[in-house]
Amino acid sequence: MKFKAIHIHNLNELIPAWALDPYATGKSLEEIFSSEEGKGFVPNKKSILSTLGFWIEIDALLDPPTVRIATPDESVDCSGWLIIKCHSLVNEKAQIEIPLNPIFKCYPNIQGSHCLYSHAFQTDVPLAYVGVTKRRWFDRYSQHVSSSRGGSRLLFHSALRDHSDKLILHKVFFAELSSDDAMELEEEFVSDIGLYPLGLNMIPGGKAGFEYLGRLGVLARSTEERDALVEQLSSRESFKGRPNPLCAALWESDPGFAERVICGHRGRLTVEQVRTIRHNAALGRTIDAISILVNASSVKQVKNVLEGRTYSRVRDEV
């Protein structure tokens, strides 16, 4: 079958066979977007990189699966996403959310690029793990599942064992990143939603994670080598004769540890900058003024601090 609207190769990179048959899904989508009604939704080369004004929902828990195109209304707007309800490798119910743009024909081939993803358990307070990979995200997930079944003590792998009864949300935030962009975004997303104790990542993301391991005397040359080393370290009670710094207890017994890790590398705010931002906000100064005062990289950086989205582990001086 010749696909005119759907990028079947990208679909194979984004949809795991344990959720849906990618080829059969591609055929169904091709039929929808080849119809007179569907043609109006297909982006062209000018609009393919912009957020699309609709989303697609697929319910693979039904037999046969249902497919529908949805557009925003007053109650919901999921524009730009392909949302799949399905089973997962471990969890009885799962939801996959992937960027919608790459599934269309005029989008570049994403094979071989980096993707940024998360796996989030829908517990009372959702627990998320954030990662990057140059392979297909679900191939990397299969590795995580295998390690979990092997008894790995990594927090994410323990969660896979402990929360198999919960719905798990697999989300691909970006599917075509360069190595540098992947590192930068992973650092940001891990800090925002993934870093222990709020999430399941045991070290910071991106370059900060490599630098942290380097301070332990552990050298990693790739993200997968880094992840493998963290998994190995998580099984040890001690490291080089000292208590294992990856043990969760350290976050509680040494609050300064988080400050050193989160603020201890180039490109991030220092502890002093974070405290200055909070102090000046309490005095009623504007975000723009504070941004200039602390020489922040952007107004958003200051806003995220004040909203508690970043640097929440940095304590104010007593």
Protein backbone atom coordinates (compact mmCIF):
# COMPACT_ATOMS: atom_id res chain seq x y z
CA MET A 1 0.00 0.00 0.00
CA LYS A 2 1.28 3.46 -0.88
CA PHE A 3 0.86 6.01 1.90
CA LYS A 4 0.16 9.55 0.67
CA ALA A 5 -0.87 11.22 3.92
CA ILE A 6 0.75 9.09 6.64
CA HIS A 7 4.49 8.71 7.35
CA ILE A 8 4.47 4.96 8.02
CA HIS A 9 8.19 4.86 8.89
CA ASN A 10 7.75 7.44 11.64
CA LEU A 11 4.66 5.61 12.87
CA ASN A 12 6.83 2.50 13.28
CA GLU A 13 9.27 4.57 15.33
CA LEU A 14 6.55 5.82 17.67
CA ILE A 15 3.93 3.08 18.14
CA PRO A 16 4.94 -0.21 19.83
CA ALA A 17 3.48 -3.44 18.47
CA TRP A 18 2.37 -4.42 21.99
CA ALA A 19 -0.03 -1.46 21.91
CA LEU A 20 -1.19 -1.49 18.29
CA ASP A 21 -0.15 -2.91 14.94
CA PRO A 22 1.66 0.14 13.45
CA TYR A 23 1.00 -0.89 9.85
CA ALA A 24 -2.71 -1.56 10.42
CA THR A 25 -2.96 1.73 12.30
CA GLY A 26 -1.26 3.50 9.41
CA LYS A 27 -3.77 2.03 6.95
CA SER A 28 -6.71 3.17 9.09
CA LEU A 29 -5.29 6.68 9.39
CA GLU A 30 -4.52 6.79 5.68
CA GLU A 31 -8.14 6.01 4.89
CA ILE A 32 -9.36 8.74 7.25
CA PHE A 33 -7.02 11.43 5.94
CA SER A 34 -7.57 10.46 2.31
CA SER A 35 -11.30 11.08 2.59
CA GLU A 36 -12.80 14.40 1.52
CA GLU A 37 -13.42 15.34 5.15
CA GLY A 38 -10.02 14.16 6.33
CA LYS A 39 -7.98 15.92 3.65
CA GLY A 40 -8.68 19.26 5.29
CA PHE A 41 -6.73 18.18 8.40
CA VAL A 42 -3.55 17.08 6.59
CA PRO A 43 -0.74 19.61 7.15
CA ASN A 44 1.44 20.86 4.31
CA LYS A 45 5.17 21.60 4.31
CA LYS A 46 4.58 25.08 5.74
CA SER A 47 2.39 23.98 8.65
CA ILE A 48 3.94 20.61 9.48
CA LEU A 49 6.26 22.05 12.16
CA SER A 50 3.51 24.11 13.83
CA THR A 51 1.12 22.85 16.51
CA LEU A 52 -1.78 21.22 14.69
CA GLY A 53 -5.26 22.37 15.63
CA PHE A 54 -6.62 18.87 16.33
CA TRP A 55 -5.66 15.57 17.90
CA ILE A 56 -6.30 11.87 17.28
CA GLU A 57 -7.65 9.42 19.86
CA ILE A 58 -7.31 5.66 19.41
CA ASP A 59 -8.88 3.20 21.86
CA ALA A 60 -7.01 -0.08 21.44
CA LEU A 61 -8.75 -1.57 24.48
CA LEU A 62 -11.77 -2.10 22.22
CA ASP A 63 -12.01 -4.80 19.54
CA PRO A 64 -11.68 -3.55 16.90
CA PRO A 65 -9.86 -0.37 17.98
CA THR A 66 -11.68 2.91 17.41
CA VAL A 67 -10.10 5.99 15.85
CA ARG A 68 -11.42 9.54 15.97
CA ILE A 69 -10.24 13.04 15.17
CA ALA A 70 -11.01 15.59 17.89
CA THR A 71 -10.93 19.39 17.88
CA PRO A 72 -10.76 21.79 20.84
CA ASP A 73 -13.83 23.00 22.70
CA GLU A 74 -14.43 24.87 25.95
CA SER A 75 -13.57 21.85 28.10
CA VAL A 76 -10.54 20.22 26.48
CA ASP A 77 -7.70 20.98 24.08
CA CYS A 78 -5.18 18.23 23.34
CA SER A 79 -4.13 19.70 20.01
CA GLY A 80 -0.99 18.25 18.49
CA TRP A 81 -1.10 14.79 20.08
CA LEU A 82 -1.85 11.21 19.09
CA ILE A 83 -3.40 9.61 22.17
CA ILE A 84 -3.69 5.83 22.45
CA LYS A 85 -5.50 3.88 25.19
CA CYS A 86 -4.02 0.40 25.37
CA HIS A 87 -2.38 -2.31 27.46
CA SER A 88 1.31 -2.02 28.39
CA LEU A 89 4.04 -4.58 28.97
CA VAL A 90 3.51 -4.48 32.74
CA ASN A 91 0.37 -2.46 33.43
CA GLU A 92 -3.12 -3.64 32.56
CA LYS A 93 -4.08 -0.17 31.35
CA ALA A 94 -1.87 2.41 29.73
CA GLN A 95 -2.03 5.57 27.71
CA ILE A 96 0.49 6.56 25.07
CA GLU A 97 0.83 10.18 24.01
CA ILE A 98 3.07 10.98 21.05
CA PRO A 99 3.54 14.13 18.96
CA LEU A 100 1.06 14.20 16.10
CA ASN A 101 3.14 16.04 13.49
CA PRO A 102 5.69 13.26 12.76
CA ILE A 103 2.99 10.80 11.64
CA PHE A 104 2.29 12.86 8.51
CA LYS A 105 4.04 12.26 5.21
CA CYS A 106 5.78 15.64 4.82
CA TYR A 107 7.53 15.40 8.21
CA PRO A 108 11.26 14.47 8.19
CA ASN A 109 12.25 10.90 9.02
CA ILE A 110 12.90 10.71 12.78
CA GLN A 111 14.83 7.43 12.77
CA GLY A 112 18.23 7.81 14.42
CA SER A 113 17.41 11.06 16.24
CA HIS A 114 16.98 11.41 20.00
CA CYS A 115 13.62 11.42 21.74
CA LEU A 116 12.68 12.69 25.19
CA TYR A 117 10.04 10.65 26.99
CA SER A 118 8.50 9.96 30.38
CA HIS A 119 6.73 7.05 32.06
CA ALA A 120 4.33 8.21 34.77
CA PHE A 121 2.36 6.02 37.17
CA GLN A 122 -1.05 7.48 37.93
CA THR A 123 -0.80 7.04 41.70
CA ASP A 124 -2.44 9.51 44.11
CA VAL A 125 0.52 11.77 43.38
CA PRO A 126 1.77 10.77 39.89
CA LEU A 127 5.33 9.45 39.84
CA ALA A 128 7.31 10.12 36.65
CA TYR A 129 10.57 8.86 35.20
CA VAL A 130 12.17 10.95 32.43
CA GLY A 131 14.69 9.68 29.91
CA VAL A 132 16.24 10.14 26.48
CA THR A 133 17.24 7.56 23.91
CA LYS A 134 18.46 7.41 20.33
CA ARG A 135 16.56 4.21 19.80
CA ARG A 136 12.80 3.74 19.75
CA TRP A 137 11.41 4.76 23.13
CA PHE A 138 9.54 1.48 23.55
CA ASP A 139 12.69 -0.57 22.89
CA ARG A 140 14.31 1.28 25.79
CA TYR A 141 11.18 0.72 27.88
CA SER A 142 11.42 -3.03 27.22
CA GLN A 143 14.93 -2.92 28.67
CA HIS A 144 13.61 -1.20 31.79
CA VAL A 145 10.92 -3.88 32.16
CA SER A 146 13.52 -6.64 31.79
CA SER A 147 15.73 -5.04 34.47
CA SER A 148 12.72 -4.65 36.76
CA ARG A 149 11.85 -8.32 36.41
CA GLY A 150 15.47 -9.11 37.20
CA GLY A 151 15.16 -7.39 40.58
CA SER A 152 16.87 -4.06 39.81
CA ARG A 153 16.69 -1.62 42.75
CA LEU A 154 16.53 1.46 40.54
CA LEU A 155 13.57 3.52 41.75
CA PHE A 156 11.82 3.37 38.38
CA HIS A 157 12.31 -0.40 38.16
CA SER A 158 10.96 -0.85 41.68
CA ALA A 159 7.94 1.26 40.71
CA LEU A 160 7.29 -1.01 37.73
CA ARG A 161 6.97 -3.89 40.19
CA ASP A 162 5.02 -1.98 42.84
CA HIS A 163 2.49 -0.16 40.63
CA SER A 164 1.50 -2.69 37.99
CA ASP A 165 -2.13 -2.17 39.01
CA LYS A 166 -2.01 1.55 38.17
CA LEU A 167 -2.53 3.17 34.79
CA ILE A 168 0.82 4.16 33.30
CA LEU A 169 1.21 7.12 30.97
CA HIS A 170 3.91 6.78 28.32
CA LYS A 171 4.58 10.22 26.83
CA VAL A 172 7.00 11.22 24.08
CA PHE A 173 7.59 14.96 24.42
CA PHE A 174 9.98 15.34 21.47
CA ALA A 175 10.84 12.79 18.80
CA GLU A 176 13.55 14.39 16.62
CA LEU A 177 16.15 15.97 18.89
CA SER A 178 19.87 16.47 18.37
CA SER A 179 22.17 15.14 21.08
CA ASP A 180 22.75 18.61 22.56
CA ASP A 181 19.07 19.52 22.57
CA ALA A 182 18.21 16.17 24.14
CA MET A 183 20.69 16.78 26.96
CA GLU A 184 19.39 20.27 27.64
CA LEU A 185 15.74 19.27 27.65
CA GLU A 186 16.29 16.13 29.71
CA GLU A 187 18.00 18.22 32.38
CA GLU A 188 15.04 20.62 32.45
CA PHE A 189 12.32 17.94 32.47
CA VAL A 190 14.03 15.78 35.11
CA SER A 191 14.38 18.84 37.33
CA ASP A 192 10.71 19.75 36.82
CA ILE A 193 8.97 16.37 37.14
CA GLY A 194 11.42 13.50 37.52
CA LEU A 195 14.00 14.06 40.23
CA TYR A 196 13.63 12.15 43.51
CA PRO A 197 11.78 12.56 45.84
CA LEU A 198 9.15 14.12 43.59
CA GLY A 199 9.88 11.66 40.79
CA LEU A 200 11.76 8.45 39.99
CA ASN A 201 15.04 9.75 38.51
CA MET A 202 17.86 9.14 40.96
CA ILE A 203 20.27 11.70 39.48
CA PRO A 204 19.76 14.93 37.51
CA GLY A 205 19.21 14.69 33.77
CA GLY A 206 21.39 15.87 30.89
CA LYS A 207 24.91 17.15 31.41
CA ALA A 208 24.22 17.70 35.11
CA GLY A 209 23.82 13.95 35.56
CA PHE A 210 27.12 13.20 33.80
CA GLU A 211 28.85 15.85 35.92
CA TYR A 212 27.38 14.43 39.11
CA LEU A 213 28.61 10.93 38.27
CA GLY A 214 31.99 12.45 37.38
CA ARG A 215 32.24 13.91 40.87
CA LEU A 216 31.76 10.37 42.16
CA GLY A 217 34.60 9.20 39.95
CA VAL A 218 32.27 7.41 37.53
CA LEU A 219 32.71 8.12 33.83
CA ALA A 220 29.90 7.59 31.30
CA ARG A 221 30.19 8.19 27.54
CA SER A 222 26.53 7.93 26.55
CA THR A 223 23.08 8.21 28.11
CA GLU A 224 22.60 4.45 28.03
CA GLU A 225 26.00 3.87 29.66
CA ARG A 226 25.05 6.49 32.25
CA ASP A 227 21.73 4.76 32.95
CA ALA A 228 23.43 1.36 33.23
CA LEU A 229 25.94 2.76 35.74
CA VAL A 230 23.17 4.32 37.83
CA GLU A 231 21.35 0.98 37.84
CA GLN A 232 24.52 -0.76 39.04
CA LEU A 233 25.17 1.85 41.71
CA SER A 234 21.61 1.67 43.00
CA SER A 235 22.17 -1.93 44.09
CA ARG A 236 25.11 -1.06 46.38
CA GLU A 237 24.89 -0.02 50.00
CA SER A 238 28.26 1.70 49.76
CA PHE A 239 30.52 3.08 47.04
CA LYS A 240 34.29 3.44 47.34
CA GLY A 241 34.07 2.88 51.07
CA ARG A 242 31.43 5.54 51.64
CA PRO A 243 27.62 5.39 51.93
CA ASN A 244 26.11 5.17 48.46
CA PRO A 245 25.20 8.75 47.48
CA LEU A 246 22.33 7.45 45.34
CA CYS A 247 20.56 6.12 48.41
CA ALA A 248 17.33 8.02 48.99
CA ALA A 249 18.26 8.65 52.62
CA LEU A 250 20.93 11.14 51.56
CA TRP A 251 18.33 13.49 50.12
CA GLU A 252 16.74 13.62 53.57
CA SER A 253 19.83 13.60 55.77
CA ASP A 254 21.83 16.08 53.68
CA PRO A 255 19.60 18.83 52.23
CA GLY A 256 22.70 20.60 50.95
CA PHE A 257 23.27 17.67 48.60
CA ALA A 258 20.36 18.75 46.38
CA GLU A 259 21.68 22.31 46.28
CA ARG A 260 25.14 21.18 45.20
CA VAL A 261 23.75 18.90 42.49
CA ILE A 262 21.06 21.19 41.13
CA CYS A 263 23.07 24.42 41.21
CA GLY A 264 26.58 23.07 40.82
CA HIS A 265 27.13 23.39 37.08
CA ARG A 266 27.28 25.99 34.35
CA GLY A 267 24.05 27.34 32.92
CA ARG A 268 21.96 27.00 36.06
CA LEU A 269 21.11 29.53 38.74
CA THR A 270 23.32 29.53 41.82
CA VAL A 271 21.94 29.00 45.32
CA GLU A 272 22.48 32.72 45.96
CA GLN A 273 20.56 33.69 42.82
CA VAL A 274 17.61 31.49 43.79
CA ARG A 275 17.46 33.02 47.25
CA THR A 276 17.77 36.54 45.81
CA ILE A 277 14.86 35.87 43.45
CA ARG A 278 12.61 34.76 46.31
CA HIS A 279 13.68 37.61 48.58
CA ASN A 280 13.04 40.29 45.97
CA ALA A 281 9.69 38.80 45.00
CA ALA A 282 8.67 39.00 48.65
CA LEU A 283 9.60 42.69 48.54
CA GLY A 284 7.17 43.16 45.66
CA ARG A 285 9.63 43.61 42.80
CA THR A 286 8.49 42.56 39.32
CA ILE A 287 9.71 39.43 37.58
CA ASP A 288 11.33 41.55 34.85
CA ALA A 289 13.24 43.59 37.41
CA ILE A 290 14.36 40.49 39.31
CA SER A 291 15.48 38.84 36.07
CA ILE A 292 17.78 41.78 35.35
CA LEU A 293 18.99 41.93 38.97
CA VAL A 294 20.15 38.30 39.10
CA ASN A 295 21.26 38.18 35.44
CA ALA A 296 18.93 35.25 34.72
CA SER A 297 19.00 33.63 31.29
CA SER A 298 15.30 34.44 30.79
CA VAL A 299 12.21 35.79 32.54
CA LYS A 300 10.81 32.25 32.42
CA GLN A 301 13.71 31.01 34.56
CA VAL A 302 12.75 33.46 37.33
CA LYS A 303 9.04 32.71 36.96
CA ASN A 304 9.65 28.96 37.32
CA VAL A 305 11.54 29.55 40.58
CA LEU A 306 8.73 31.64 42.04
CA GLU A 307 6.09 29.12 41.00
CA GLY A 308 8.07 26.31 42.64
CA ARG A 309 8.54 24.46 39.36
CA THR A 310 12.33 24.50 39.62
CA TYR A 311 14.92 24.74 42.42
CA SER A 312 12.31 23.81 45.02
CA ARG A 313 14.96 21.87 46.98
CA VAL A 314 17.07 24.98 47.48
CA ARG A 315 16.39 26.21 51.00
CA ASP A 316 16.04 29.82 52.04
CA GLU A 317 18.62 31.02 54.55
CA VAL A 318 17.52 30.86 58.15
